[in-house]
PDB file of all heavy atoms in Angstrom:
ATOM      1  N   PRO A   1       6.786   8.872   1.202  1.00  0.00           N
ATOM      2  CA  PRO A   1       5.793   7.901   0.707  1.00  0.00           C
ATOM      3  C   PRO A   1       6.403   7.028  -0.438  1.00  0.00           C
ATOM      4  O   PRO A   1       6.046   5.856  -0.607  1.00  0.00           O
ATOM      5  CB  PRO A   1       4.686   8.739   0.191  1.00  0.00           C
ATOM      6  CG  PRO A   1       5.229  10.120   0.032  1.00  0.00           C
ATOM      7  CD  PRO A   1       6.392  10.221   0.980  1.00  0.00           C
ATOM      8  N   GLU A   2       7.337   7.588  -1.230  1.00  0.00           N
ATOM      9  CA  GLU A   2       7.921   6.834  -2.345  1.00  0.00           C
ATOM     10  C   GLU A   2       8.758   5.701  -1.788  1.00  0.00           C
ATOM     11  O   GLU A   2       8.968   4.738  -2.514  1.00  0.00           O
ATOM     12  CB  GLU A   2       8.789   7.703  -3.257  1.00  0.00           C
ATOM     13  CG  GLU A   2       8.029   8.848  -3.846  1.00  0.00           C
ATOM     14  CD  GLU A   2       7.978  10.108  -2.981  1.00  0.00           C
ATOM     15  OE1 GLU A   2       8.430  10.033  -1.780  1.00  0.00           O
ATOM     16  OE2 GLU A   2       7.405  11.131  -3.392  1.00  0.00           O
ATOM     17  N   ALA A   3       9.340   5.766  -0.639  1.00  0.00           N
ATOM     18  CA  ALA A   3      10.123   4.695   0.030  1.00  0.00           C
ATOM     19  C   ALA A   3       9.213   3.767   0.849  1.00  0.00           C
ATOM     20  O   ALA A   3       9.409   2.578   0.904  1.00  0.00           O
ATOM     21  CB  ALA A   3      11.239   5.204   0.828  1.00  0.00           C
ATOM     22  N   LEU A   4       8.179   4.389   1.471  1.00  0.00           N
ATOM     23  CA  LEU A   4       7.404   3.627   2.406  1.00  0.00           C
ATOM     24  C   LEU A   4       6.482   2.650   1.655  1.00  0.00           C
ATOM     25  O   LEU A   4       6.395   1.429   2.043  1.00  0.00           O
ATOM     26  CB  LEU A   4       6.505   4.492   3.292  1.00  0.00           C
ATOM     27  CG  LEU A   4       5.565   3.813   4.253  1.00  0.00           C
ATOM     28  CD1 LEU A   4       6.336   2.918   5.221  1.00  0.00           C
ATOM     29  CD2 LEU A   4       4.790   4.869   5.117  1.00  0.00           C
ATOM     30  N   LEU A   5       5.885   3.045   0.575  1.00  0.00           N
ATOM     31  CA  LEU A   5       4.996   2.151  -0.166  1.00  0.00           C
ATOM     32  C   LEU A   5       5.656   0.834  -0.588  1.00  0.00           C
ATOM     33  O   LEU A   5       5.148  -0.235  -0.324  1.00  0.00           O
ATOM     34  CB  LEU A   5       4.359   2.866  -1.373  1.00  0.00           C
ATOM     35  CG  LEU A   5       3.362   2.052  -2.150  1.00  0.00           C
ATOM     36  CD1 LEU A   5       2.138   1.611  -1.304  1.00  0.00           C
ATOM     37  CD2 LEU A   5       2.869   2.761  -3.368  1.00  0.00           C
ATOM     38  N   PRO A   6       6.825   0.933  -1.291  1.00  0.00           N
ATOM     39  CA  PRO A   6       7.417  -0.386  -1.697  1.00  0.00           C
ATOM     40  C   PRO A   6       7.876  -1.219  -0.471  1.00  0.00           C
ATOM     41  O   PRO A   6       7.862  -2.467  -0.528  1.00  0.00           O
ATOM     42  CB  PRO A   6       8.632   0.030  -2.537  1.00  0.00           C
ATOM     43  CG  PRO A   6       8.804   1.485  -2.427  1.00  0.00           C
ATOM     44  CD  PRO A   6       7.552   2.064  -1.822  1.00  0.00           C
ATOM     45  N   ALA A   7       8.244  -0.558   0.626  1.00  0.00           N
ATOM     46  CA  ALA A   7       8.632  -1.354   1.816  1.00  0.00           C
ATOM     47  C   ALA A   7       7.351  -2.076   2.384  1.00  0.00           C
ATOM     48  O   ALA A   7       7.469  -3.316   2.764  1.00  0.00           O
ATOM     49  CB  ALA A   7       9.129  -0.373   2.913  1.00  0.00           C
ATOM     50  N   LEU A   8       6.168  -1.450   2.344  1.00  0.00           N
ATOM     51  CA  LEU A   8       4.973  -2.115   2.784  1.00  0.00           C
ATOM     52  C   LEU A   8       4.621  -3.246   1.799  1.00  0.00           C
ATOM     53  O   LEU A   8       4.196  -4.315   2.216  1.00  0.00           O
ATOM     54  CB  LEU A   8       3.842  -1.146   2.880  1.00  0.00           C
ATOM     55  CG  LEU A   8       4.029   0.003   3.931  1.00  0.00           C
ATOM     56  CD1 LEU A   8       2.851   0.935   3.931  1.00  0.00           C
ATOM     57  CD2 LEU A   8       4.202  -0.579   5.297  1.00  0.00           C
ATOM     58  N   GLN A   9       4.737  -2.976   0.502  1.00  0.00           N
ATOM     59  CA  GLN A   9       4.441  -4.044  -0.459  1.00  0.00           C
ATOM     60  C   GLN A   9       5.387  -5.221  -0.351  1.00  0.00           C
ATOM     61  O   GLN A   9       4.959  -6.394  -0.568  1.00  0.00           O
ATOM     62  CB  GLN A   9       4.515  -3.377  -1.858  1.00  0.00           C
ATOM     63  CG  GLN A   9       3.338  -2.492  -2.119  1.00  0.00           C
ATOM     64  CD  GLN A   9       3.457  -1.701  -3.426  1.00  0.00           C
ATOM     65  OE1 GLN A   9       4.514  -1.501  -3.935  1.00  0.00           O
ATOM     66  NE2 GLN A   9       2.298  -1.182  -3.897  1.00  0.00           N
ATOM     67  N   ALA A  10       6.627  -4.988   0.091  1.00  0.00           N
ATOM     68  CA  ALA A  10       7.491  -6.119   0.289  1.00  0.00           C
ATOM     69  C   ALA A  10       7.077  -6.990   1.474  1.00  0.00           C
ATOM     70  O   ALA A  10       7.148  -8.216   1.418  1.00  0.00           O
ATOM     71  CB  ALA A  10       8.981  -5.589   0.558  1.00  0.00           C
ATOM     72  N   LEU A  11       6.535  -6.328   2.535  1.00  0.00           N
ATOM     73  CA  LEU A  11       6.003  -7.062   3.656  1.00  0.00           C
ATOM     74  C   LEU A  11       4.824  -7.857   3.251  1.00  0.00           C
ATOM     75  O   LEU A  11       4.629  -9.059   3.675  1.00  0.00           O
ATOM     76  CB  LEU A  11       5.630  -6.119   4.804  1.00  0.00           C
ATOM     77  CG  LEU A  11       6.836  -5.424   5.569  1.00  0.00           C
ATOM     78  CD1 LEU A  11       6.291  -4.496   6.603  1.00  0.00           C
ATOM     79  CD2 LEU A  11       7.795  -6.489   6.140  1.00  0.00           C
ATOM     80  N   GLU A  12       3.963  -7.257   2.436  1.00  0.00           N
ATOM     81  CA  GLU A  12       2.766  -7.979   1.823  1.00  0.00           C
ATOM     82  C   GLU A  12       3.272  -9.187   1.085  1.00  0.00           C
ATOM     83  O   GLU A  12       2.711 -10.332   1.235  1.00  0.00           O
ATOM     84  CB  GLU A  12       1.961  -7.095   0.976  1.00  0.00           C
ATOM     85  CG  GLU A  12       1.249  -6.016   1.695  1.00  0.00           C
ATOM     86  CD  GLU A  12       0.493  -5.061   0.721  1.00  0.00           C
ATOM     87  OE1 GLU A  12       0.895  -5.023  -0.444  1.00  0.00           O
ATOM     88  OE2 GLU A  12      -0.461  -4.328   1.209  1.00  0.00           O
ATOM     89  N   ALA A  13       4.235  -9.016   0.235  1.00  0.00           N
ATOM     90  CA  ALA A  13       4.743 -10.158  -0.530  1.00  0.00           C
ATOM     91  C   ALA A  13       5.269 -11.283   0.305  1.00  0.00           C
ATOM     92  O   ALA A  13       5.085 -12.444   0.013  1.00  0.00           O
ATOM     93  CB  ALA A  13       5.800  -9.649  -1.561  1.00  0.00           C
ATOM     94  N   GLU A  14       6.025 -10.940   1.348  1.00  0.00           N
ATOM     95  CA  GLU A  14       6.567 -11.859   2.256  1.00  0.00           C
ATOM     96  C   GLU A  14       5.405 -12.730   2.859  1.00  0.00           C
ATOM     97  O   GLU A  14       5.649 -13.882   3.255  1.00  0.00           O
ATOM     98  CB  GLU A  14       7.399 -11.228   3.334  1.00  0.00           C
ATOM     99  CG  GLU A  14       8.721 -10.730   2.859  1.00  0.00           C
ATOM    100  CD  GLU A  14       9.485  -9.903   3.958  1.00  0.00           C
ATOM    101  OE1 GLU A  14       9.237 -10.222   5.181  1.00  0.00           O
ATOM    102  OE2 GLU A  14      10.230  -9.052   3.569  1.00  0.00           O
ATOM    103  N   ALA A  15       4.296 -12.105   3.074  1.00  0.00           N
ATOM    104  CA  ALA A  15       3.157 -12.813   3.682  1.00  0.00           C
ATOM    105  C   ALA A  15       2.367 -13.537   2.653  1.00  0.00           C
ATOM    106  O   ALA A  15       1.344 -14.097   2.970  1.00  0.00           O
ATOM    107  CB  ALA A  15       2.249 -11.802   4.423  1.00  0.00           C
ATOM    108  N   GLY A  16       2.768 -13.540   1.394  1.00  0.00           N
ATOM    109  CA  GLY A  16       2.120 -14.276   0.326  1.00  0.00           C
ATOM    110  C   GLY A  16       0.988 -13.554  -0.368  1.00  0.00           C
ATOM    111  O   GLY A  16       0.091 -14.234  -0.959  1.00  0.00           O
ATOM    112  N   ARG A  17       0.955 -12.265  -0.309  1.00  0.00           N
ATOM    113  CA  ARG A  17      -0.126 -11.478  -0.872  1.00  0.00           C
ATOM    114  C   ARG A  17      -0.183 -11.709  -2.443  1.00  0.00           C
ATOM    115  O   ARG A  17       0.811 -11.669  -3.125  1.00  0.00           O
ATOM    116  CB  ARG A  17       0.130  -9.946  -0.619  1.00  0.00           C
ATOM    117  CG  ARG A  17      -0.770  -8.973  -1.376  1.00  0.00           C
ATOM    118  CD  ARG A  17      -2.155  -8.874  -0.701  1.00  0.00           C
ATOM    119  NE  ARG A  17      -3.046  -8.077  -1.540  1.00  0.00           N
ATOM    120  CZ  ARG A  17      -3.390  -6.814  -1.407  1.00  0.00           C
ATOM    121  NH1 ARG A  17      -2.808  -6.106  -0.308  1.00  0.00           N
ATOM    122  NH2 ARG A  17      -4.238  -6.162  -2.097  1.00  0.00           N
ATOM    123  N   GLN A  18      -1.390 -12.027  -2.849  1.00  0.00           N
ATOM    124  CA  GLN A  18      -1.678 -12.133  -4.310  1.00  0.00           C
ATOM    125  C   GLN A  18      -2.730 -11.055  -4.650  1.00  0.00           C
ATOM    126  O   GLN A  18      -3.511 -10.643  -3.832  1.00  0.00           O
ATOM    127  CB  GLN A  18      -2.262 -13.510  -4.611  1.00  0.00           C
ATOM    128  CG  GLN A  18      -1.376 -14.707  -4.199  1.00  0.00           C
ATOM    129  CD  GLN A  18      -0.194 -14.838  -5.087  1.00  0.00           C
ATOM    130  OE1 GLN A  18      -0.311 -14.718  -6.290  1.00  0.00           O
ATOM    131  NE2 GLN A  18       0.986 -15.058  -4.514  1.00  0.00           N
ATOM    132  N   ARG A  19      -2.731 -10.615  -5.920  1.00  0.00           N
ATOM    133  CA  ARG A  19      -3.687  -9.647  -6.344  1.00  0.00           C
ATOM    134  C   ARG A  19      -4.444 -10.173  -7.610  1.00  0.00           C
ATOM    135  O   ARG A  19      -4.312  -9.548  -8.707  1.00  0.00           O
ATOM    136  CB  ARG A  19      -2.973  -8.310  -6.640  1.00  0.00           C
ATOM    137  CG  ARG A  19      -2.530  -7.612  -5.426  1.00  0.00           C
ATOM    138  CD  ARG A  19      -1.721  -6.324  -5.788  1.00  0.00           C
ATOM    139  NE  ARG A  19      -1.540  -5.444  -4.605  1.00  0.00           N
ATOM    140  CZ  ARG A  19      -0.614  -5.562  -3.719  1.00  0.00           C
ATOM    141  NH1 ARG A  19       0.235  -6.574  -3.789  1.00  0.00           N
ATOM    142  NH2 ARG A  19      -0.502  -4.745  -2.726  1.00  0.00           N
ATOM    143  N   PRO A  20      -5.263 -11.193  -7.461  1.00  0.00           N
ATOM    144  CA  PRO A  20      -5.983 -11.740  -8.610  1.00  0.00           C
ATOM    145  C   PRO A  20      -7.075 -10.857  -9.175  1.00  0.00           C
ATOM    146  O   PRO A  20      -7.319 -10.844 -10.412  1.00  0.00           O
ATOM    147  CB  PRO A  20      -6.548 -13.066  -8.118  1.00  0.00           C
ATOM    148  CG  PRO A  20      -6.648 -12.888  -6.655  1.00  0.00           C
ATOM    149  CD  PRO A  20      -5.572 -11.912  -6.229  1.00  0.00           C
ATOM    150  N   TYR A  21      -7.694 -10.072  -8.346  1.00  0.00           N
ATOM    151  CA  TYR A  21      -8.786  -9.135  -8.809  1.00  0.00           C
ATOM    152  C   TYR A  21      -8.960  -8.069  -7.766  1.00  0.00           C
ATOM    153  O   TYR A  21      -8.565  -8.317  -6.597  1.00  0.00           O
ATOM    154  CB  TYR A  21     -10.047  -9.913  -9.187  1.00  0.00           C
ATOM    155  CG  TYR A  21     -10.596 -10.718  -8.026  1.00  0.00           C
ATOM    156  CD1 TYR A  21     -11.494 -10.195  -7.141  1.00  0.00           C
ATOM    157  CD2 TYR A  21     -10.206 -12.065  -7.890  1.00  0.00           C
ATOM    158  CE1 TYR A  21     -12.030 -10.948  -6.099  1.00  0.00           C
ATOM    159  CE2 TYR A  21     -10.743 -12.843  -6.875  1.00  0.00           C
ATOM    160  CZ  TYR A  21     -11.670 -12.231  -6.010  1.00  0.00           C
ATOM    161  OH  TYR A  21     -12.139 -13.082  -4.980  1.00  0.00           O
ATOM    162  N   PRO A  22      -9.596  -6.941  -8.098  1.00  0.00           N
ATOM    163  CA  PRO A  22      -9.799  -5.922  -7.025  1.00  0.00           C
ATOM    164  C   PRO A  22     -10.629  -6.466  -5.853  1.00  0.00           C
ATOM    165  O   PRO A  22     -11.563  -7.216  -6.048  1.00  0.00           O
ATOM    166  CB  PRO A  22     -10.542  -4.841  -7.805  1.00  0.00           C
ATOM    167  CG  PRO A  22     -10.190  -5.047  -9.223  1.00  0.00           C
ATOM    168  CD  PRO A  22     -10.004  -6.519  -9.405  1.00  0.00           C
ATOM    169  N   ASN A  23     -10.184  -6.070  -4.703  1.00  0.00           N
ATOM    170  CA  ASN A  23     -10.821  -6.426  -3.439  1.00  0.00           C
ATOM    171  C   ASN A  23     -10.834  -7.903  -3.160  1.00  0.00           C
ATOM    172  O   ASN A  23     -11.686  -8.408  -2.419  1.00  0.00           O
ATOM    173  CB  ASN A  23     -12.262  -5.861  -3.317  1.00  0.00           C
ATOM    174  CG  ASN A  23     -12.272  -4.343  -3.415  1.00  0.00           C
ATOM    175  OD1 ASN A  23     -11.542  -3.721  -2.736  1.00  0.00           O
ATOM    176  ND2 ASN A  23     -13.127  -3.831  -4.309  1.00  0.00           N
ATOM    177  N   ALA A  24      -9.844  -8.623  -3.735  1.00  0.00           N
ATOM    178  CA  ALA A  24      -9.755 -10.079  -3.533  1.00  0.00           C
ATOM    179  C   ALA A  24      -9.394 -10.303  -2.077  1.00  0.00           C
ATOM    180  O   ALA A  24      -8.705  -9.454  -1.426  1.00  0.00           O
ATOM    181  CB  ALA A  24      -8.727 -10.644  -4.428  1.00  0.00           C
ATOM    182  N   PRO A  25      -9.768 -11.484  -1.522  1.00  0.00           N
ATOM    183  CA  PRO A  25      -9.233 -11.881  -0.157  1.00  0.00           C
ATOM    184  C   PRO A  25      -7.735 -11.780  -0.190  1.00  0.00           C
ATOM    185  O   PRO A  25      -7.126 -11.980  -1.244  1.00  0.00           O
ATOM    186  CB  PRO A  25      -9.777 -13.235  -0.006  1.00  0.00           C
ATOM    187  CG  PRO A  25     -10.965 -13.334  -0.850  1.00  0.00           C
ATOM    188  CD  PRO A  25     -10.676 -12.523  -2.064  1.00  0.00           C
ATOM    189  N   ARG A  26      -7.152 -11.529   0.987  1.00  0.00           N
ATOM    190  CA  ARG A  26      -5.675 -11.302   1.034  1.00  0.00           C
ATOM    191  C   ARG A  26      -5.101 -11.821   2.339  1.00  0.00           C
ATOM    192  O   ARG A  26      -5.692 -11.806   3.344  1.00  0.00           O
ATOM    193  CB  ARG A  26      -5.329  -9.916   0.758  1.00  0.00           C
ATOM    194  CG  ARG A  26      -5.983  -8.948   1.724  1.00  0.00           C
ATOM    195  CD  ARG A  26      -6.150  -7.629   1.192  1.00  0.00           C
ATOM    196  NE  ARG A  26      -7.134  -7.581   0.117  1.00  0.00           N
ATOM    197  CZ  ARG A  26      -7.773  -6.468  -0.276  1.00  0.00           C
ATOM    198  NH1 ARG A  26      -7.599  -5.340   0.326  1.00  0.00           N
ATOM    199  NH2 ARG A  26      -8.670  -6.554  -1.254  1.00  0.00           N
ATOM    200  N   THR A  27      -3.818 -12.266   2.191  1.00  0.00           N
ATOM    201  CA  THR A  27      -3.100 -12.675   3.332  1.00  0.00           C
ATOM    202  C   THR A  27      -2.594 -11.518   4.175  1.00  0.00           C
ATOM    203  O   THR A  27      -2.359 -11.643   5.407  1.00  0.00           O
ATOM    204  CB  THR A  27      -1.831 -13.511   2.901  1.00  0.00           C
ATOM    205  OG1 THR A  27      -1.013 -12.726   2.008  1.00  0.00           O
ATOM    206  CG2 THR A  27      -2.255 -14.831   2.236  1.00  0.00           C
ATOM    207  N   LEU A  28      -2.408 -10.335   3.552  1.00  0.00           N
ATOM    208  CA  LEU A  28      -1.941  -9.139   4.264  1.00  0.00           C
ATOM    209  C   LEU A  28      -2.207  -7.952   3.332  1.00  0.00           C
ATOM    210  O   LEU A  28      -1.909  -7.990   2.183  1.00  0.00           O
ATOM    211  CB  LEU A  28      -0.462  -9.208   4.610  1.00  0.00           C
ATOM    212  CG  LEU A  28       0.091  -8.002   5.419  1.00  0.00           C
ATOM    213  CD1 LEU A  28      -0.653  -7.865   6.781  1.00  0.00           C
ATOM    214  CD2 LEU A  28       1.610  -8.127   5.617  1.00  0.00           C
ATOM    215  N   ASP A  29      -2.749  -6.902   3.968  1.00  0.00           N
ATOM    216  CA  ASP A  29      -2.981  -5.628   3.237  1.00  0.00           C
ATOM    217  C   ASP A  29      -2.484  -4.503   4.173  1.00  0.00           C
ATOM    218  O   ASP A  29      -2.851  -4.428   5.335  1.00  0.00           O
ATOM    219  CB  ASP A  29      -4.460  -5.418   2.979  1.00  0.00           C
ATOM    220  CG  ASP A  29      -4.746  -4.280   2.139  1.00  0.00           C
ATOM    221  OD1 ASP A  29      -3.944  -3.816   1.335  1.00  0.00           O
ATOM    222  OD2 ASP A  29      -5.928  -3.718   2.289  1.00  0.00           O
ATOM    223  N   LEU A  30      -1.554  -3.737   3.602  1.00  0.00           N
ATOM    224  CA  LEU A  30      -0.939  -2.615   4.410  1.00  0.00           C
ATOM    225  C   LEU A  30      -1.168  -1.370   3.501  1.00  0.00           C
ATOM    226  O   LEU A  30      -0.735  -1.271   2.406  1.00  0.00           O
ATOM    227  CB  LEU A  30       0.560  -2.842   4.596  1.00  0.00           C
ATOM    228  CG  LEU A  30       0.947  -4.070   5.386  1.00  0.00           C
ATOM    229  CD1 LEU A  30       2.452  -4.280   5.349  1.00  0.00           C
ATOM    230  CD2 LEU A  30       0.440  -3.958   6.810  1.00  0.00           C
ATOM    231  N   ASP A  31      -1.910  -0.433   4.086  1.00  0.00           N
ATOM    232  CA  ASP A  31      -2.276   0.851   3.384  1.00  0.00           C
ATOM    233  C   ASP A  31      -1.833   2.044   4.206  1.00  0.00           C
ATOM    234  O   ASP A  31      -2.024   2.115   5.417  1.00  0.00           O
ATOM    235  CB  ASP A  31      -3.798   0.986   3.185  1.00  0.00           C
ATOM    236  CG  ASP A  31      -4.347   0.054   2.182  1.00  0.00           C
ATOM    237  OD1 ASP A  31      -3.634  -0.270   1.177  1.00  0.00           O
ATOM    238  OD2 ASP A  31      -5.564  -0.396   2.329  1.00  0.00           O
ATOM    239  N   ILE A  32      -1.110   2.963   3.523  1.00  0.00           N
ATOM    240  CA  ILE A  32      -0.767   4.201   4.097  1.00  0.00           C
ATOM    241  C   ILE A  32      -2.025   5.062   4.154  1.00  0.00           C
ATOM    242  O   ILE A  32      -2.598   5.368   3.095  1.00  0.00           O
ATOM    243  CB  ILE A  32       0.281   5.018   3.354  1.00  0.00           C
ATOM    244  CG1 ILE A  32       1.583   4.126   3.120  1.00  0.00           C
ATOM    245  CG2 ILE A  32       0.682   6.244   4.050  1.00  0.00           C
ATOM    246  CD1 ILE A  32       2.543   4.642   2.118  1.00  0.00           C
ATOM    247  N   ILE A  33      -2.495   5.361   5.339  1.00  0.00           N
ATOM    248  CA  ILE A  33      -3.691   6.143   5.493  1.00  0.00           C
ATOM    249  C   ILE A  33      -3.374   7.684   5.410  1.00  0.00           C
ATOM    250  O   ILE A  33      -4.043   8.462   4.784  1.00  0.00           O
ATOM    251  CB  ILE A  33      -4.514   5.832   6.804  1.00  0.00           C
ATOM    252  CG1 ILE A  33      -4.810   4.353   6.870  1.00  0.00           C
ATOM    253  CG2 ILE A  33      -5.639   6.728   7.044  1.00  0.00           C
ATOM    254  CD1 ILE A  33      -5.638   3.883   5.648  1.00  0.00           C
ATOM    255  N   ALA A  34      -2.326   8.043   6.109  1.00  0.00           N
ATOM    256  CA  ALA A  34      -1.915   9.439   6.152  1.00  0.00           C
ATOM    257  C   ALA A  34      -0.442   9.593   6.570  1.00  0.00           C
ATOM    258  O   ALA A  34       0.040   8.745   7.328  1.00  0.00           O
ATOM    259  CB  ALA A  34      -2.783  10.259   7.026  1.00  0.00           C
ATOM    260  N   MET A  35       0.134  10.623   6.103  1.00  0.00           N
ATOM    261  CA  MET A  35       1.572  10.964   6.502  1.00  0.00           C
ATOM    262  C   MET A  35       1.546  12.432   6.856  1.00  0.00           C
ATOM    263  O   MET A  35       1.685  13.301   6.060  1.00  0.00           O
ATOM    264  CB  MET A  35       2.520  10.701   5.403  1.00  0.00           C
ATOM    265  CG  MET A  35       2.654   9.158   5.043  1.00  0.00           C
ATOM    266  SD  MET A  35       3.924   8.789   3.803  1.00  0.00           S
ATOM    267  CE  MET A  35       5.373   8.827   4.857  1.00  0.00           C
ATOM    268  N   GLY A  36       1.259  12.674   8.193  1.00  0.00           N
ATOM    269  CA  GLY A  36       1.102  14.087   8.661  1.00  0.00           C
ATOM    270  C   GLY A  36       0.017  14.719   7.876  1.00  0.00           C
ATOM    271  O   GLY A  36      -1.065  14.182   7.676  1.00  0.00           O
ATOM    272  N   ASN A  37       0.255  15.945   7.446  1.00  0.00           N
ATOM    273  CA  ASN A  37      -0.735  16.713   6.709  1.00  0.00           C
ATOM    274  C   ASN A  37      -0.492  16.624   5.167  1.00  0.00           C
ATOM    275  O   ASN A  37      -1.014  17.461   4.458  1.00  0.00           O
ATOM    276  CB  ASN A  37      -0.827  18.181   7.184  1.00  0.00           C
ATOM    277  CG  ASN A  37      -1.323  18.275   8.518  1.00  0.00           C
ATOM    278  OD1 ASN A  37      -2.406  17.618   8.855  1.00  0.00           O
ATOM    279  ND2 ASN A  37      -0.797  19.150   9.336  1.00  0.00           N
ATOM    280  N   MET A  38       0.344  15.707   4.790  1.00  0.00           N
ATOM    281  CA  MET A  38       0.679  15.614   3.319  1.00  0.00           C
ATOM    282  C   MET A  38      -0.559  15.293   2.495  1.00  0.00           C
ATOM    283  O   MET A  38      -1.337  14.428   2.820  1.00  0.00           O
ATOM    284  CB  MET A  38       1.729  14.563   3.166  1.00  0.00           C
ATOM    285  CG  MET A  38       2.264  14.419   1.704  1.00  0.00           C
ATOM    286  SD  MET A  38       3.421  13.049   1.428  1.00  0.00           S
ATOM    287  CE  MET A  38       4.760  13.556   2.533  1.00  0.00           C
ATOM    288  N   VAL A  39      -0.689  16.018   1.385  1.00  0.00           N
ATOM    289  CA  VAL A  39      -1.686  15.765   0.432  1.00  0.00           C
ATOM    290  C   VAL A  39      -0.979  15.497  -0.884  1.00  0.00           C
ATOM    291  O   VAL A  39      -0.176  16.353  -1.383  1.00  0.00           O
ATOM    292  CB  VAL A  39      -2.665  16.987   0.297  1.00  0.00           C
ATOM    293  CG1 VAL A  39      -3.649  16.713  -0.846  1.00  0.00           C
ATOM    294  CG2 VAL A  39      -3.306  17.254   1.641  1.00  0.00           C
ATOM    295  N   ARG A  40      -1.247  14.356  -1.488  1.00  0.00           N
ATOM    296  CA  ARG A  40      -0.694  13.893  -2.781  1.00  0.00           C
ATOM    297  C   ARG A  40      -1.825  13.413  -3.656  1.00  0.00           C
ATOM    298  O   ARG A  40      -2.521  12.515  -3.262  1.00  0.00           O
ATOM    299  CB  ARG A  40       0.280  12.775  -2.575  1.00  0.00           C
ATOM    300  CG  ARG A  40       1.685  13.074  -2.177  1.00  0.00           C
ATOM    301  CD  ARG A  40       2.559  11.887  -1.966  1.00  0.00           C
ATOM    302  NE  ARG A  40       2.460  10.858  -3.021  1.00  0.00           N
ATOM    303  CZ  ARG A  40       3.523  10.553  -3.808  1.00  0.00           C
ATOM    304  NH1 ARG A  40       4.727  11.173  -3.591  1.00  0.00           N
ATOM    305  NH2 ARG A  40       3.453   9.680  -4.730  1.00  0.00           N
ATOM    306  N   ASP A  41      -1.916  14.002  -4.833  1.00  0.00           N
ATOM    307  CA  ASP A  41      -2.930  13.511  -5.799  1.00  0.00           C
ATOM    308  C   ASP A  41      -2.372  12.510  -6.810  1.00  0.00           C
ATOM    309  O   ASP A  41      -3.129  11.849  -7.548  1.00  0.00           O
ATOM    310  CB  ASP A  41      -3.509  14.741  -6.562  1.00  0.00           C
ATOM    311  CG  ASP A  41      -4.371  15.593  -5.655  1.00  0.00           C
ATOM    312  OD1 ASP A  41      -4.947  15.091  -4.674  1.00  0.00           O
ATOM    313  OD2 ASP A  41      -4.367  16.798  -5.892  1.00  0.00           O
ATOM    314  N   VAL A  42      -1.040  12.415  -6.787  1.00  0.00           N
ATOM    315  CA  VAL A  42      -0.405  11.467  -7.760  1.00  0.00           C
ATOM    316  C   VAL A  42      -0.488  10.060  -7.188  1.00  0.00           C
ATOM    317  O   VAL A  42      -0.468   9.901  -5.902  1.00  0.00           O
ATOM    318  CB  VAL A  42       1.002  11.849  -8.017  1.00  0.00           C
ATOM    319  CG1 VAL A  42       1.109  13.139  -8.806  1.00  0.00           C
ATOM    320  CG2 VAL A  42       1.901  11.884  -6.783  1.00  0.00           C
ATOM    321  N   PRO A  43      -0.691   9.034  -7.982  1.00  0.00           N
ATOM    322  CA  PRO A  43      -0.784   7.688  -7.430  1.00  0.00           C
ATOM    323  C   PRO A  43       0.504   7.155  -6.917  1.00  0.00           C
ATOM    324  O   PRO A  43       1.584   7.698  -7.171  1.00  0.00           O
ATOM    325  CB  PRO A  43      -1.270   6.841  -8.640  1.00  0.00           C
ATOM    326  CG  PRO A  43      -0.938   7.725  -9.834  1.00  0.00           C
ATOM    327  CD  PRO A  43      -0.819   9.106  -9.408  1.00  0.00           C
ATOM    328  N   ASP A  44       0.334   6.109  -6.124  1.00  0.00           N
ATOM    329  CA  ASP A  44       1.436   5.360  -5.547  1.00  0.00           C
ATOM    330  C   ASP A  44       2.324   6.113  -4.621  1.00  0.00           C
ATOM    331  O   ASP A  44       3.553   6.275  -4.867  1.00  0.00           O
ATOM    332  CB  ASP A  44       2.255   4.701  -6.698  1.00  0.00           C
ATOM    333  CG  ASP A  44       1.384   3.720  -7.495  1.00  0.00           C
ATOM    334  OD1 ASP A  44       0.455   3.120  -6.881  1.00  0.00           O
ATOM    335  OD2 ASP A  44       1.676   3.532  -8.686  1.00  0.00           O
ATOM    336  N   PRO A  45       1.744   6.553  -3.516  1.00  0.00           N
ATOM    337  CA  PRO A  45       0.384   6.515  -3.017  1.00  0.00           C
ATOM    338  C   PRO A  45      -0.280   7.849  -3.076  1.00  0.00           C
ATOM    339  O   PRO A  45       0.395   8.909  -3.048  1.00  0.00           O
ATOM    340  CB  PRO A  45       0.517   6.114  -1.591  1.00  0.00           C
ATOM    341  CG  PRO A  45       1.803   6.731  -1.160  1.00  0.00           C
ATOM    342  CD  PRO A  45       2.717   6.771  -2.376  1.00  0.00           C
ATOM    343  N   ILE A  46      -1.589   7.850  -3.228  1.00  0.00           N
ATOM    344  CA  ILE A  46      -2.426   9.015  -2.989  1.00  0.00           C
ATOM    345  C   ILE A  46      -2.587   9.220  -1.524  1.00  0.00           C
ATOM    346  O   ILE A  46      -2.841   8.306  -0.775  1.00  0.00           O
ATOM    347  CB  ILE A  46      -3.809   8.886  -3.704  1.00  0.00           C
ATOM    348  CG1 ILE A  46      -3.629   8.768  -5.244  1.00  0.00           C
ATOM    349  CG2 ILE A  46      -4.708  10.058  -3.319  1.00  0.00           C
ATOM    350  CD1 ILE A  46      -4.853   8.367  -5.969  1.00  0.00           C
ATOM    351  N   LEU A  47      -2.319  10.414  -1.083  1.00  0.00           N
ATOM    352  CA  LEU A  47      -2.446  10.764   0.333  1.00  0.00           C
ATOM    353  C   LEU A  47      -3.350  11.951   0.648  1.00  0.00           C
ATOM    354  O   LEU A  47      -3.214  12.930  -0.111  1.00  0.00           O
ATOM    355  CB  LEU A  47      -1.086  10.979   1.016  1.00  0.00           C
ATOM    356  CG  LEU A  47      -0.169   9.744   1.017  1.00  0.00           C
ATOM    357  CD1 LEU A  47       1.233  10.131   1.484  1.00  0.00           C
ATOM    358  CD2 LEU A  47      -0.753   8.622   1.898  1.00  0.00           C
ATOM    359  N   PRO A  48      -4.145  11.947   1.665  1.00  0.00           N
ATOM    360  CA  PRO A  48      -4.460  10.762   2.482  1.00  0.00           C
ATOM    361  C   PRO A  48      -5.167   9.669   1.686  1.00  0.00           C
ATOM    362  O   PRO A  48      -5.599   9.942   0.518  1.00  0.00           O
ATOM    363  CB  PRO A  48      -5.367  11.284   3.559  1.00  0.00           C
ATOM    364  CG  PRO A  48      -5.980  12.540   3.006  1.00  0.00           C
ATOM    365  CD  PRO A  48      -4.931  13.094   2.058  1.00  0.00           C
TER     366      PRO A  48
END
């Protein structure tokens, strides 16, 4: 997850993603929903 999240964020940036405020409209949003049965409580990313 530590490598996947920045890779997804790079794809978002390539698509012109801006984050002006929470839940703002966006050109692309990529979220990791789950990685197997992994459970992570630490942010970036929290899984599931």
